[in-house]
Protein backbone atom coordinates (compact mmCIF):
# COMPACT_ATOMS: atom_id res chain seq x y z
CA MET A 1 95.88 72.62 115.42
CA PRO A 2 96.23 75.39 118.41
CA LEU A 3 98.92 74.88 120.92
CA ILE A 4 96.43 75.20 123.74
CA GLY A 5 92.81 74.22 123.44
CA LEU A 6 90.20 75.13 125.82
CA ALA A 7 87.58 72.66 127.06
CA GLY A 8 83.96 72.86 125.78
CA HIS A 9 82.64 74.04 128.98
CA VAL A 10 84.90 77.14 129.05
CA VAL A 11 84.14 80.73 127.90
CA PHE A 12 87.04 83.19 127.43
CA ASP A 13 86.67 86.89 127.15
CA ASP A 14 89.87 88.99 126.43
CA THR A 15 88.44 92.48 126.71
CA ASP A 16 90.50 95.52 127.58
CA ASP A 17 93.76 93.72 127.86
CA ALA A 18 92.64 91.56 130.64
CA GLY A 19 91.01 88.18 130.47
CA VAL A 20 88.41 86.19 132.26
CA ILE A 21 87.78 82.44 132.02
CA LEU A 22 84.38 81.08 132.85
CA ASP A 23 84.06 77.51 133.93
CA THR A 24 80.39 76.78 133.19
CA ARG A 25 80.34 73.49 134.74
CA ARG A 26 81.36 74.90 138.08
CA GLY A 27 80.04 78.31 137.67
CA VAL A 28 83.32 80.02 138.57
CA TYR A 29 85.63 82.44 136.84
CA LEU A 30 89.33 83.16 136.73
CA SER A 31 90.84 86.36 136.08
CA LEU A 32 94.00 86.76 133.89
CA ASN A 33 96.33 89.53 134.07
CA ALA A 34 97.50 91.25 130.70
CA THR A 35 100.48 89.17 130.30
CA ALA A 36 98.67 85.94 130.88
CA THR A 37 95.78 87.03 128.52
CA ARG A 38 98.30 87.97 125.72
CA MET A 39 100.07 84.51 126.28
CA LEU A 40 96.66 82.63 126.16
CA CYS A 41 95.43 84.36 123.07
CA THR A 42 98.82 83.63 121.38
CA ALA A 43 98.61 80.04 122.33
CA LEU A 44 95.00 79.74 121.00
CA ALA A 45 96.32 81.13 117.76
CA CYS A 46 99.60 79.40 117.23
CA ASP A 47 100.26 75.77 116.51
CA SER A 48 103.70 75.27 118.12
CA VAL A 49 105.73 76.75 121.21
CA ALA A 50 108.26 77.99 118.67
CA ALA A 51 105.42 80.14 116.58
CA ALA A 52 103.91 81.29 119.86
CA VAL A 53 107.19 82.31 121.39
CA ALA A 54 108.23 84.21 118.18
CA ARG A 55 104.92 86.09 118.32
CA LEU A 56 105.25 86.95 122.15
CA ARG A 57 108.76 88.25 121.54
CA GLU A 58 107.02 91.10 119.54
CA ASP A 59 105.25 92.10 122.58
CA PHE A 60 107.35 91.31 125.46
CA ASP A 61 111.17 92.09 126.09
CA ALA A 62 111.93 88.49 127.29
CA ASP A 63 114.08 85.59 125.90
CA GLU A 64 112.76 82.56 124.19
CA GLU A 65 113.30 80.27 127.55
CA THR A 66 111.47 82.70 129.57
CA LEU A 67 108.57 82.98 127.24
CA ALA A 68 108.39 79.07 126.67
CA ALA A 69 108.37 78.69 130.53
CA GLY A 70 105.59 81.07 130.95
CA LEU A 71 103.44 79.22 128.37
CA ALA A 72 104.05 76.10 129.89
CA GLY A 73 103.33 77.57 133.42
CA LEU A 74 100.00 78.99 131.98
CA ALA A 75 99.00 75.58 130.42
CA ALA A 76 99.85 73.93 133.72
CA ARG A 77 97.58 76.24 135.58
CA LEU A 78 94.70 75.99 133.21
CA GLY A 79 95.11 72.11 133.45
CA GLU A 80 95.00 72.18 137.22
CA HIS A 81 91.67 73.89 136.93
CA ALA A 82 90.40 71.34 134.21
CA LEU A 83 90.07 74.21 131.56
CA LEU A 84 91.99 72.47 128.87
CA ALA A 85 90.60 70.27 126.03
CA GLU A 86 91.35 66.50 126.82
CA ASP A 87 94.18 66.38 124.36
CA GLY A 88 95.30 69.87 125.42
CA GLY A 89 95.06 71.34 121.86
CA GLY A 90 93.31 70.92 118.73
CA ALA A 91 89.95 71.99 120.30
CA PRO A 92 87.54 74.27 118.48
CA ALA A 93 87.86 77.97 119.01
CA PRO A 94 86.76 78.99 122.54
CA ARG A 95 83.34 80.36 123.02
CA ARG A 96 83.56 84.16 123.76
CA TRP A 97 81.44 86.59 125.50
CA GLY A 98 80.16 89.75 123.60
CA ARG A 99 82.82 92.50 123.35
CA ARG A 100 82.41 96.07 123.97
CA ARG A 101 83.63 96.78 120.53
CA GLY A 102 81.30 94.16 118.86
CA VAL A 103 80.35 90.66 119.35
CA ARG A 104 82.63 87.91 118.30
């Protein structure tokens, strides 16, 4: 079960080290910077905070507490915009737009 699950009405694209989240219910999108995009991709792939933090430590020069706080902050912001699955995790893999290097 992933650490973070996106709601069924959310489409996520992580092309070119930046991310875009489309809320299809409201017809709005949010842009993510490279750091938030990497954190979201990691949270979608890992089943615990510890696993996500360990993976993020490979990419960022930050301690565990900082990375865990970043993940919690990202989840809180996504929750504020009603973009998370109701249980917060365990949702099916998010739908993705076609990527420039092929379609997922």
